C-alpha atoms as a PDB file:
ATOM      1  CA  UNK A   1     144.001 157.048  16.821  1.00  0.00           C
ATOM      2  CA  UNK A   2     141.902 159.691  15.093  1.00  0.00           C
ATOM      3  CA  UNK A   3     143.655 163.024  14.993  1.00  0.00           C
ATOM      4  CA  UNK A   4     141.617 166.439  15.355  1.00  0.00           C
ATOM      5  CA  UNK A   5     142.300 169.706  14.501  1.00  0.00           C
ATOM      6  CA  UNK A   6     139.985 172.284  15.981  1.00  0.00           C
ATOM      7  CA  UNK A   7     139.145 175.552  14.467  1.00  0.00           C
ATOM      8  CA  UNK A   8     137.189 178.454  16.243  1.00  0.00           C
ATOM      9  CA  UNK A   9     138.339 182.498  16.437  1.00  0.00           C
ATOM     10  CA  UNK A  10     136.581 182.416  20.475  1.00  0.00           C
ATOM     11  CA  UNK A  11     139.726 181.167  22.032  1.00  0.00           C
ATOM     12  CA  UNK A  12     137.590 179.948  24.672  1.00  0.00           C
ATOM     13  CA  UNK A  13     135.516 178.033  22.509  1.00  0.00           C
ATOM     14  CA  UNK A  14     138.596 176.030  21.014  1.00  0.00           C
ATOM     15  CA  UNK A  15     139.955 175.342  24.445  1.00  0.00           C
ATOM     16  CA  UNK A  16     136.386 173.036  25.500  1.00  0.00           C
ATOM     17  CA  UNK A  17     136.445 171.490  22.827  1.00  0.00           C
ATOM     18  CA  UNK A  18     140.555 169.881  23.078  1.00  0.00           C
ATOM     19  CA  UNK A  19     140.359 169.352  26.863  1.00  0.00           C
ATOM     20  CA  UNK A  20     136.142 167.010  25.634  1.00  0.00           C
ATOM     21  CA  UNK A  21     138.428 165.454  22.695  1.00  0.00           C
ATOM     22  CA  UNK A  22     141.717 164.816  24.030  1.00  0.00           C
ATOM     23  CA  UNK A  23     139.523 163.336  27.366  1.00  0.00           C
ATOM     24  CA  UNK A  24     138.634 160.764  24.924  1.00  0.00           C
ATOM     25  CA  UNK A  25     140.409 157.928  24.496  1.00  0.00           C
ATOM     26  CA  UNK A  26     141.609 157.355  20.944  1.00  0.00           C
ATOM     27  CA  UNK A  27     141.184 160.813  19.711  1.00  0.00           C
ATOM     28  CA  UNK A  28     143.295 163.928  20.533  1.00  0.00           C
ATOM     29  CA  UNK A  29     144.074 167.519  18.983  1.00  0.00           C
ATOM     30  CA  UNK A  30     146.343 167.310  16.767  1.00  0.00           C
ATOM     31  CA  UNK A  31     146.331 171.898  16.219  1.00  0.00           C
ATOM     32  CA  UNK A  32     143.835 174.408  16.866  1.00  0.00           C
ATOM     33  CA  UNK A  33     143.513 177.530  14.356  1.00  0.00           C
ATOM     34  CA  UNK A  34     141.151 181.036  14.968  1.00  0.00           C
ATOM     35  CA  UNK A  35     141.199 181.654  11.699  1.00  0.00           C
ATOM     36  CA  UNK A  36     140.547 180.171   8.003  1.00  0.00           C
ATOM     37  CA  UNK A  37     143.492 181.077   7.015  1.00  0.00           C
ATOM     38  CA  UNK A  38     145.324 179.118  10.054  1.00  0.00           C
ATOM     39  CA  UNK A  39     143.941 176.583   9.710  1.00  0.00           C
ATOM     40  CA  UNK A  40     145.013 176.057   5.882  1.00  0.00           C
ATOM     41  CA  UNK A  41     148.355 176.177   7.940  1.00  0.00           C
ATOM     42  CA  UNK A  42     147.309 173.594   9.297  1.00  0.00           C
ATOM     43  CA  UNK A  43     146.159 171.583   8.318  1.00  0.00           C
ATOM     44  CA  UNK A  44     148.653 171.044   6.436  1.00  0.00           C
ATOM     45  CA  UNK A  45     151.119 170.882   8.488  1.00  0.00           C
ATOM     46  CA  UNK A  46     149.132 167.666  10.939  1.00  0.00           C
ATOM     47  CA  UNK A  47     147.286 165.958   7.775  1.00  0.00           C
ATOM     48  CA  UNK A  48     144.354 165.058  10.202  1.00  0.00           C
ATOM     49  CA  UNK A  49     142.022 162.849  10.096  1.00  0.00           C
ATOM     50  CA  UNK A  50     139.014 165.893  11.100  1.00  0.00           C
ATOM     51  CA  UNK A  51     139.348 168.996  11.533  1.00  0.00           C
ATOM     52  CA  UNK A  52     135.997 170.566  13.294  1.00  0.00           C
ATOM     53  CA  UNK A  53     135.394 173.858  11.022  1.00  0.00           C
ATOM     54  CA  UNK A  54     133.570 177.225  12.620  1.00  0.00           C
ATOM     55  CA  UNK A  55     132.143 178.701   9.601  1.00  0.00           C
ATOM     56  CA  UNK A  56     131.560 182.960  11.014  1.00  0.00           C
ATOM     57  CA  UNK A  57     135.687 183.521  11.283  1.00  0.00           C
ATOM     58  CA  UNK A  58     138.018 186.401   9.664  1.00  0.00           C
ATOM     59  CA  UNK A  59     140.793 186.562   7.255  1.00  0.00           C
ATOM     60  CA  UNK A  60     139.025 183.583   4.473  1.00  0.00           C
ATOM     61  CA  UNK A  61     135.338 181.618   6.275  1.00  0.00           C
ATOM     62  CA  UNK A  62     135.342 177.934   7.109  1.00  0.00           C
ATOM     63  CA  UNK A  63     133.482 177.378   3.615  1.00  0.00           C
ATOM     64  CA  UNK A  64     136.605 178.528   1.326  1.00  0.00           C
ATOM     65  CA  UNK A  65     138.847 177.011   4.493  1.00  0.00           C
ATOM     66  CA  UNK A  66     136.997 173.642   3.754  1.00  0.00           C
ATOM     67  CA  UNK A  67     136.975 174.423   0.056  1.00  0.00           C
ATOM     68  CA  UNK A  68     140.926 174.586   0.229  1.00  0.00           C
ATOM     69  CA  UNK A  69     141.391 171.459   2.565  1.00  0.00           C
ATOM     70  CA  UNK A  70     139.318 169.246   0.267  1.00  0.00           C
ATOM     71  CA  UNK A  71     141.861 170.605  -2.708  1.00  0.00           C
ATOM     72  CA  UNK A  72     144.620 168.743  -1.015  1.00  0.00           C
ATOM     73  CA  UNK A  73     143.882 166.553   2.131  1.00  0.00           C
ATOM     74  CA  UNK A  74     141.588 164.038   3.327  1.00  0.00           C
ATOM     75  CA  UNK A  75     140.813 165.435   6.190  1.00  0.00           C
ATOM     76  CA  UNK A  76     137.117 164.517   7.298  1.00  0.00           C
ATOM     77  CA  UNK A  77     135.623 167.897   7.809  1.00  0.00           C
ATOM     78  CA  UNK A  78     133.128 168.403  10.309  1.00  0.00           C
ATOM     79  CA  UNK A  79     131.296 171.615  10.057  1.00  0.00           C
ATOM     80  CA  UNK A  80     130.376 173.450  13.837  1.00  0.00           C
ATOM     81  CA  UNK A  81     127.203 176.013  13.295  1.00  0.00           C
ATOM     82  CA  UNK A  82     125.246 178.427  15.421  1.00  0.00           C
ATOM     83  CA  UNK A  83     122.053 177.229  13.929  1.00  0.00           C
ATOM     84  CA  UNK A  84     120.795 173.996  12.076  1.00  0.00           C
ATOM     85  CA  UNK A  85     119.486 176.274   9.736  1.00  0.00           C
ATOM     86  CA  UNK A  86     122.716 178.236   8.964  1.00  0.00           C
ATOM     87  CA  UNK A  87     122.204 179.242   5.487  1.00  0.00           C
ATOM     88  CA  UNK A  88     126.312 177.908   4.316  1.00  0.00           C
ATOM     89  CA  UNK A  89     124.806 174.170   5.220  1.00  0.00           C
ATOM     90  CA  UNK A  90     124.741 173.858   1.043  1.00  0.00           C
ATOM     91  CA  UNK A  91     127.858 175.733  -0.312  1.00  0.00           C
ATOM     92  CA  UNK A  92     129.724 174.175   3.301  1.00  0.00           C
ATOM     93  CA  UNK A  93     129.019 170.537   1.521  1.00  0.00           C
ATOM     94  CA  UNK A  94     129.468 171.406  -1.711  1.00  0.00           C
ATOM     95  CA  UNK A  95     133.498 172.542  -0.574  1.00  0.00           C
ATOM     96  CA  UNK A  96     133.451 169.477   0.586  1.00  0.00           C
ATOM     97  CA  UNK A  97     131.940 169.001   4.723  1.00  0.00           C
ATOM     98  CA  UNK A  98     130.999 165.746   6.003  1.00  0.00           C
ATOM     99  CA  UNK A  99     128.937 166.962   8.405  1.00  0.00           C
ATOM    100  CA  UNK A 100     127.072 169.546  10.487  1.00  0.00           C
ATOM    101  CA  UNK A 101     127.485 169.606  14.473  1.00  0.00           C
ATOM    102  CA  UNK A 102     125.247 172.541  16.822  1.00  0.00           C
ATOM    103  CA  UNK A 103     127.000 174.418  19.333  1.00  0.00           C
ATOM    104  CA  UNK A 104     125.832 173.437  21.733  1.00  0.00           C
ATOM    105  CA  UNK A 105     125.446 169.441  21.179  1.00  0.00           C
ATOM    106  CA  UNK A 106     126.023 167.286  24.194  1.00  0.00           C
ATOM    107  CA  UNK A 107     129.572 165.841  24.566  1.00  0.00           C
ATOM    108  CA  UNK A 108     128.832 162.384  24.674  1.00  0.00           C
ATOM    109  CA  UNK A 109     127.355 163.402  20.965  1.00  0.00           C
ATOM    110  CA  UNK A 110     129.984 165.565  19.708  1.00  0.00           C
ATOM    111  CA  UNK A 111     132.290 162.818  20.362  1.00  0.00           C
ATOM    112  CA  UNK A 112     130.493 159.953  18.923  1.00  0.00           C
ATOM    113  CA  UNK A 113     130.225 162.745  15.893  1.00  0.00           C
ATOM    114  CA  UNK A 114     133.912 162.926  15.458  1.00  0.00           C
ATOM    115  CA  UNK A 115     134.134 159.256  14.876  1.00  0.00           C
ATOM    116  CA  UNK A 116     131.191 158.984  12.891  1.00  0.00           C
ATOM    117  CA  UNK A 117     132.996 161.499  10.120  1.00  0.00           C
ATOM    118  CA  UNK A 118     136.206 159.858  10.845  1.00  0.00           C
ATOM    119  CA  UNK A 119     135.233 156.692  10.078  1.00  0.00           C
ATOM    120  CA  UNK A 120     133.767 158.161   6.202  1.00  0.00           C
ATOM    121  CA  UNK A 121     129.980 158.399   7.276  1.00  0.00           C
ATOM    122  CA  UNK A 122     128.408 161.539   6.349  1.00  0.00           C
ATOM    123  CA  UNK A 123     127.029 164.226   9.646  1.00  0.00           C
ATOM    124  CA  UNK A 124     123.590 164.702   8.366  1.00  0.00           C
ATOM    125  CA  UNK A 125     120.530 165.688  11.170  1.00  0.00           C
ATOM    126  CA  UNK A 126     117.046 164.783   9.372  1.00  0.00           C
ATOM    127  CA  UNK A 127     116.800 168.723   9.844  1.00  0.00           C
ATOM    128  CA  UNK A 128     120.409 170.281   8.386  1.00  0.00           C
ATOM    129  CA  UNK A 129     118.828 167.588   5.416  1.00  0.00           C
ATOM    130  CA  UNK A 130     115.913 169.230   4.808  1.00  0.00           C
ATOM    131  CA  UNK A 131     117.056 172.231   4.944  1.00  0.00           C
ATOM    132  CA  UNK A 132     119.519 171.226   2.015  1.00  0.00           C
ATOM    133  CA  UNK A 133     116.322 170.222   0.506  1.00  0.00           C
ATOM    134  CA  UNK A 134     115.321 173.995   0.928  1.00  0.00           C
ATOM    135  CA  UNK A 135     118.315 175.693  -0.319  1.00  0.00           C
ATOM    136  CA  UNK A 136     118.241 173.028  -3.454  1.00  0.00           C
ATOM    137  CA  UNK A 137     114.712 174.131  -4.043  1.00  0.00           C
ATOM    138  CA  UNK A 138     115.629 178.325  -4.171  1.00  0.00           C
ATOM    139  CA  UNK A 139     118.025 177.482  -6.636  1.00  0.00           C
ATOM    140  CA  UNK A 140     117.414 178.983 -10.176  1.00  0.00           C
ATOM    141  CA  UNK A 141     120.460 177.123 -11.183  1.00  0.00           C
ATOM    142  CA  UNK A 142     121.256 173.165 -11.647  1.00  0.00           C
ATOM    143  CA  UNK A 143     124.459 171.442 -12.466  1.00  0.00           C
ATOM    144  CA  UNK A 144     122.767 168.716 -14.303  1.00  0.00           C
ATOM    145  CA  UNK A 145     125.033 165.843 -13.084  1.00  0.00           C
ATOM    146  CA  UNK A 146     124.976 163.419 -15.514  1.00  0.00           C
ATOM    147  CA  UNK A 147     124.865 159.266 -14.465  1.00  0.00           C
ATOM    148  CA  UNK A 148     127.084 157.466 -16.438  1.00  0.00           C
ATOM    149  CA  UNK A 149     128.042 154.557 -15.181  1.00  0.00           C
ATOM    150  CA  UNK A 150     125.579 153.788 -12.637  1.00  0.00           C
ATOM    151  CA  UNK A 151     123.594 150.752 -12.223  1.00  0.00           C
ATOM    152  CA  UNK A 152     120.198 150.343 -11.626  1.00  0.00           C
ATOM    153  CA  UNK A 153     120.408 148.768  -8.097  1.00  0.00           C
ATOM    154  CA  UNK A 154     122.857 151.543  -7.447  1.00  0.00           C
ATOM    155  CA  UNK A 155     120.322 154.852  -7.930  1.00  0.00           C
ATOM    156  CA  UNK A 156     118.486 152.929  -6.140  1.00  0.00           C
ATOM    157  CA  UNK A 157     120.664 153.513  -3.345  1.00  0.00           C
ATOM    158  CA  UNK A 158     121.741 156.872  -4.214  1.00  0.00           C
ATOM    159  CA  UNK A 159     117.936 157.291  -4.188  1.00  0.00           C
ATOM    160  CA  UNK A 160     117.907 155.941  -1.004  1.00  0.00           C
ATOM    161  CA  UNK A 161     121.013 157.838   0.591  1.00  0.00           C
ATOM    162  CA  UNK A 162     119.445 161.384  -0.848  1.00  0.00           C
ATOM    163  CA  UNK A 163     116.467 159.881   1.661  1.00  0.00           C
ATOM    164  CA  UNK A 164     118.858 159.681   4.668  1.00  0.00           C
ATOM    165  CA  UNK A 165     118.893 156.261   5.089  1.00  0.00           C
ATOM    166  CA  UNK A 166     122.067 154.710   6.896  1.00  0.00           C
ATOM    167  CA  UNK A 167     123.831 151.236   5.531  1.00  0.00           C
ATOM    168  CA  UNK A 168     121.717 150.017   7.778  1.00  0.00           C
ATOM    169  CA  UNK A 169     118.212 150.898   6.079  1.00  0.00           C
ATOM    170  CA  UNK A 170     119.214 151.059   3.347  1.00  0.00           C
ATOM    171  CA  UNK A 171     119.837 146.944   3.978  1.00  0.00           C
ATOM    172  CA  UNK A 172     116.672 146.042   5.160  1.00  0.00           C
ATOM    173  CA  UNK A 173     114.807 148.365   3.078  1.00  0.00           C
ATOM    174  CA  UNK A 174     116.958 145.903  -0.479  1.00  0.00           C
ATOM    175  CA  UNK A 175     117.125 142.844   1.433  1.00  0.00           C
ATOM    176  CA  UNK A 176     120.310 142.773   0.602  1.00  0.00           C
ATOM    177  CA  UNK A 177     123.903 142.447   2.632  1.00  0.00           C
ATOM    178  CA  UNK A 178     125.544 145.262   4.352  1.00  0.00           C
ATOM    179  CA  UNK A 179     128.891 144.138   2.653  1.00  0.00           C
ATOM    180  CA  UNK A 180     126.688 144.410  -0.645  1.00  0.00           C
ATOM    181  CA  UNK A 181     125.287 147.821   0.107  1.00  0.00           C
ATOM    182  CA  UNK A 182     128.834 148.656   1.772  1.00  0.00           C
ATOM    183  CA  UNK A 183     130.093 148.074  -2.046  1.00  0.00           C
ATOM    184  CA  UNK A 184     127.159 149.866  -3.772  1.00  0.00           C
ATOM    185  CA  UNK A 185     128.048 153.096  -2.026  1.00  0.00           C
ATOM    186  CA  UNK A 186     131.799 152.859  -2.894  1.00  0.00           C
ATOM    187  CA  UNK A 187     130.774 152.177  -6.197  1.00  0.00           C
ATOM    188  CA  UNK A 188     129.111 155.621  -6.084  1.00  0.00           C
ATOM    189  CA  UNK A 189     131.579 157.021  -4.818  1.00  0.00           C
ATOM    190  CA  UNK A 190     134.226 156.096  -7.170  1.00  0.00           C
ATOM    191  CA  UNK A 191     132.118 156.846  -9.618  1.00  0.00           C
ATOM    192  CA  UNK A 192     130.407 159.772  -9.221  1.00  0.00           C
ATOM    193  CA  UNK A 193     133.928 161.351  -7.806  1.00  0.00           C
ATOM    194  CA  UNK A 194     131.665 162.061  -4.829  1.00  0.00           C
ATOM    195  CA  UNK A 195     134.344 162.541  -1.664  1.00  0.00           C
ATOM    196  CA  UNK A 196     131.619 161.347   1.100  1.00  0.00           C
ATOM    197  CA  UNK A 197     127.910 160.712   1.581  1.00  0.00           C
ATOM    198  CA  UNK A 198     127.155 164.063   1.832  1.00  0.00           C
ATOM    199  CA  UNK A 199     127.972 164.613  -1.315  1.00  0.00           C
ATOM    200  CA  UNK A 200     125.708 161.820  -3.420  1.00  0.00           C
ATOM    201  CA  UNK A 201     122.661 163.198  -1.342  1.00  0.00           C
ATOM    202  CA  UNK A 202     123.715 166.827  -3.415  1.00  0.00           C
ATOM    203  CA  UNK A 203     124.471 164.901  -6.981  1.00  0.00           C
ATOM    204  CA  UNK A 204     121.191 162.627  -5.881  1.00  0.00           C
ATOM    205  CA  UNK A 205     119.382 166.219  -6.122  1.00  0.00           C
ATOM    206  CA  UNK A 206     121.188 167.577  -9.497  1.00  0.00           C
ATOM    207  CA  UNK A 207     120.900 164.698 -11.303  1.00  0.00           C
ATOM    208  CA  UNK A 208     117.102 164.127 -10.722  1.00  0.00           C
ATOM    209  CA  UNK A 209     117.395 160.314  -9.010  1.00  0.00           C
ATOM    210  CA  UNK A 210     115.245 162.389  -6.099  1.00  0.00           C
ATOM    211  CA  UNK A 211     112.899 165.196  -6.783  1.00  0.00           C
ATOM    212  CA  UNK A 212     112.075 168.322  -4.087  1.00  0.00           C
ATOM    213  CA  UNK A 213     108.876 168.195  -2.212  1.00  0.00           C
END
């Protein structure tokens, strides 16, 4: 069973998400919150697998709430946004978000997205990935991440992750087995202290493994 917390300052939307999620076998809503501060409290109480997180909310916004949740919880945060060109994309990923979803996403896709994030995969659409790259290019500061201990093969895998390829696509591209690809991804997550694939994308650009443009 995948436990979900729904966070949005609009009660009608929260209710709609709850009905949708609770109607899907294997998914259930275990809590709701109308602002970021309340979301942090609910996550502490319920220990969900996934948090559907709005960005613009009173008291504490979704970015700050995501950062706090990432500090104490293994819950995967799926950011809900009105526009795919939301200026908070980069900040949310750095804060620990596992993916992005438009609020007008069809119900079946929303449910699939919850499962994808719950399984530990990043949910980054091509439009969001382009936004992430553009935002990175715009920022003057770079963290200069070092890839200490990362092998040449792992660098290849990291490059393909940054290009938005799935495990299956990486498997075909590098002529590896699925198990080997998953092993490389797991080692990258461990060595680079990344929560998920979304943060591996950021590391790839900040380390220079992949260049903007």
